[in-house]
Amino acid sequence: MKYLKPQMKQLVKENEELQLRLKELMKEHNLEKNFALKALYHAEVADGGKFQFAYQALDLPKR
């Protein structure tokens, strides 16, 4: 699975828990949004993370 910024932004936009986690990461580690998004991806999405299936579902073609 590959990190795609637009897909990650969409996932965060659709999930309140991820929005809060993103803000926490930015504040706690003094990160810019882009770096915090990537960190959030590795922590919560990649390699069997809690939001992996939701992230992958965004990649499916819309019917």
N, C-alpha and C. Protein backbone atom coordinates (compact mmCIF):
# COMPACT_ATOMS: atom_id res chain seq x y z
N MET A 1 0.85 -1.17 0.00
CA MET A 1 0.00 0.00 0.00
C MET A 1 0.90 1.24 0.00
N LYS A 2 0.48 2.21 -0.74
CA LYS A 2 1.29 3.40 -0.94
C LYS A 2 0.61 4.63 -0.34
N TYR A 3 1.42 5.53 0.23
CA TYR A 3 0.89 6.79 0.77
C TYR A 3 0.54 7.72 -0.37
N LEU A 4 -0.71 8.16 -0.38
CA LEU A 4 -1.16 9.15 -1.35
C LEU A 4 -1.79 10.30 -0.58
N LYS A 5 -1.20 11.46 -0.69
CA LYS A 5 -1.63 12.61 0.08
C LYS A 5 -3.10 12.95 -0.13
N PRO A 6 -3.59 13.02 -1.36
CA PRO A 6 -5.02 13.37 -1.54
C PRO A 6 -5.95 12.34 -0.88
N GLN A 7 -5.59 11.10 -0.98
CA GLN A 7 -6.39 10.04 -0.37
C GLN A 7 -6.37 10.14 1.15
N MET A 8 -5.22 10.45 1.71
CA MET A 8 -5.10 10.58 3.17
C MET A 8 -5.89 11.80 3.65
N LYS A 9 -5.82 12.90 2.90
CA LYS A 9 -6.58 14.09 3.27
C LYS A 9 -8.08 13.81 3.26
N GLN A 10 -8.53 13.03 2.28
CA GLN A 10 -9.95 12.67 2.19
C GLN A 10 -10.36 11.81 3.37
N LEU A 11 -9.51 10.85 3.74
CA LEU A 11 -9.81 9.97 4.87
C LEU A 11 -9.94 10.78 6.15
N VAL A 12 -9.04 11.71 6.37
CA VAL A 12 -9.08 12.55 7.57
C VAL A 12 -10.33 13.43 7.56
N LYS A 13 -10.64 13.98 6.40
CA LYS A 13 -11.81 14.84 6.27
C LYS A 13 -13.10 14.10 6.65
N GLU A 14 -13.15 12.82 6.34
CA GLU A 14 -14.36 12.02 6.57
C GLU A 14 -14.40 11.38 7.96
N ASN A 15 -13.33 11.53 8.76
CA ASN A 15 -13.28 10.82 10.04
C ASN A 15 -12.88 11.77 11.16
N GLU A 16 -13.79 12.00 12.08
CA GLU A 16 -13.55 12.94 13.18
C GLU A 16 -12.41 12.49 14.10
N GLU A 17 -12.31 11.19 14.33
CA GLU A 17 -11.23 10.66 15.18
C GLU A 17 -9.86 10.98 14.58
N LEU A 18 -9.74 10.83 13.27
CA LEU A 18 -8.47 11.13 12.61
C LEU A 18 -8.19 12.63 12.61
N GLN A 19 -9.23 13.45 12.51
CA GLN A 19 -9.05 14.90 12.57
C GLN A 19 -8.45 15.31 13.91
N LEU A 20 -8.98 14.73 14.98
CA LEU A 20 -8.46 15.04 16.32
C LEU A 20 -7.02 14.54 16.47
N ARG A 21 -6.77 13.34 15.98
CA ARG A 21 -5.42 12.76 16.08
C ARG A 21 -4.41 13.60 15.29
N LEU A 22 -4.81 14.10 14.13
CA LEU A 22 -3.94 14.93 13.31
C LEU A 22 -3.57 16.21 14.06
N LYS A 23 -4.56 16.85 14.66
CA LYS A 23 -4.30 18.07 15.43
C LYS A 23 -3.38 17.79 16.61
N GLU A 24 -3.58 16.64 17.28
CA GLU A 24 -2.71 16.26 18.40
C GLU A 24 -1.27 16.09 17.94
N LEU A 25 -1.09 15.39 16.82
CA LEU A 25 0.26 15.18 16.29
C LEU A 25 0.94 16.50 15.94
N MET A 26 0.20 17.38 15.31
CA MET A 26 0.76 18.67 14.91
C MET A 26 1.22 19.45 16.13
N LYS A 27 0.38 19.46 17.16
CA LYS A 27 0.69 20.23 18.36
C LYS A 27 1.80 19.56 19.18
N GLU A 28 1.65 18.26 19.42
CA GLU A 28 2.57 17.52 20.28
C GLU A 28 4.00 17.49 19.73
N HIS A 29 4.12 17.35 18.42
CA HIS A 29 5.45 17.23 17.80
C HIS A 29 5.85 18.44 16.98
N ASN A 30 5.03 19.48 17.05
CA ASN A 30 5.30 20.72 16.32
C ASN A 30 5.56 20.45 14.83
N LEU A 31 4.62 19.72 14.23
CA LEU A 31 4.75 19.34 12.82
C LEU A 31 3.85 20.18 11.93
N GLU A 32 4.31 20.39 10.71
CA GLU A 32 3.46 20.99 9.69
C GLU A 32 2.42 19.93 9.29
N LYS A 33 1.32 20.38 8.73
CA LYS A 33 0.22 19.48 8.40
C LYS A 33 0.65 18.33 7.49
N ASN A 34 1.46 18.61 6.48
CA ASN A 34 1.88 17.57 5.54
C ASN A 34 2.68 16.47 6.23
N PHE A 35 3.56 16.85 7.14
CA PHE A 35 4.36 15.86 7.86
C PHE A 35 3.49 15.09 8.85
N ALA A 36 2.55 15.78 9.48
CA ALA A 36 1.65 15.13 10.42
C ALA A 36 0.74 14.14 9.70
N LEU A 37 0.30 14.47 8.49
CA LEU A 37 -0.52 13.55 7.70
C LEU A 37 0.23 12.26 7.41
N LYS A 38 1.49 12.40 7.04
CA LYS A 38 2.30 11.22 6.73
C LYS A 38 2.54 10.39 7.98
N ALA A 39 2.79 11.05 9.10
CA ALA A 39 2.98 10.33 10.37
C ALA A 39 1.69 9.61 10.76
N LEU A 40 0.57 10.25 10.56
CA LEU A 40 -0.72 9.66 10.88
C LEU A 40 -0.97 8.44 10.00
N TYR A 41 -0.59 8.53 8.75
CA TYR A 41 -0.73 7.40 7.82
C TYR A 41 0.05 6.19 8.35
N HIS A 42 1.29 6.41 8.74
CA HIS A 42 2.11 5.31 9.21
C HIS A 42 1.64 4.76 10.55
N ALA A 43 1.05 5.61 11.37
CA ALA A 43 0.60 5.19 12.70
C ALA A 43 -0.76 4.51 12.67
N GLU A 44 -1.67 4.98 11.84
CA GLU A 44 -3.06 4.52 11.91
C GLU A 44 -3.58 3.79 10.67
N VAL A 45 -2.84 3.84 9.57
CA VAL A 45 -3.35 3.27 8.32
C VAL A 45 -2.48 2.12 7.81
N ALA A 46 -1.20 2.36 7.62
CA ALA A 46 -0.31 1.40 6.97
C ALA A 46 -0.17 0.12 7.77
N ASP A 47 0.11 -0.96 7.06
CA ASP A 47 0.43 -2.26 7.64
C ASP A 47 -0.56 -2.75 8.69
N GLY A 48 -1.82 -2.81 8.29
CA GLY A 48 -2.84 -3.36 9.17
C GLY A 48 -3.38 -2.41 10.22
N GLY A 49 -3.18 -1.12 10.02
CA GLY A 49 -3.67 -0.12 10.96
C GLY A 49 -5.19 -0.09 11.02
N LYS A 50 -5.69 0.56 12.02
CA LYS A 50 -7.13 0.64 12.30
C LYS A 50 -7.94 1.16 11.10
N PHE A 51 -7.35 2.05 10.32
CA PHE A 51 -8.08 2.69 9.22
C PHE A 51 -7.63 2.22 7.84
N GLN A 52 -6.93 1.09 7.79
CA GLN A 52 -6.40 0.60 6.51
C GLN A 52 -7.50 0.33 5.49
N PHE A 53 -8.57 -0.34 5.90
CA PHE A 53 -9.62 -0.68 4.95
C PHE A 53 -10.38 0.55 4.46
N ALA A 54 -10.57 1.52 5.33
CA ALA A 54 -11.23 2.76 4.93
C ALA A 54 -10.37 3.51 3.91
N TYR A 55 -9.06 3.50 4.12
CA TYR A 55 -8.12 4.16 3.21
C TYR A 55 -8.15 3.46 1.85
N GLN A 56 -8.10 2.14 1.88
CA GLN A 56 -8.11 1.38 0.63
C GLN A 56 -9.42 1.55 -0.13
N ALA A 57 -10.52 1.69 0.60
CA ALA A 57 -11.82 1.87 -0.03
C ALA A 57 -11.89 3.17 -0.83
N LEU A 58 -11.12 4.16 -0.41
CA LEU A 58 -11.11 5.43 -1.15
C LEU A 58 -10.47 5.28 -2.53
N ASP A 59 -9.68 4.22 -2.70
CA ASP A 59 -8.98 3.99 -3.96
C ASP A 59 -9.85 3.23 -4.96
N LEU A 60 -10.98 2.70 -4.49
CA LEU A 60 -11.85 1.95 -5.39
C LEU A 60 -12.58 2.90 -6.33
N PRO A 61 -12.79 2.48 -7.57
CA PRO A 61 -13.51 3.35 -8.52
C PRO A 61 -14.96 3.54 -8.08
N LYS A 62 -15.45 4.75 -8.26
CA LYS A 62 -16.83 5.07 -7.92
C LYS A 62 -17.75 4.58 -9.04
N ARG A 63 -18.90 4.03 -8.65
CA ARG A 63 -19.85 3.53 -9.66
C ARG A 63 -21.04 4.45 -9.77
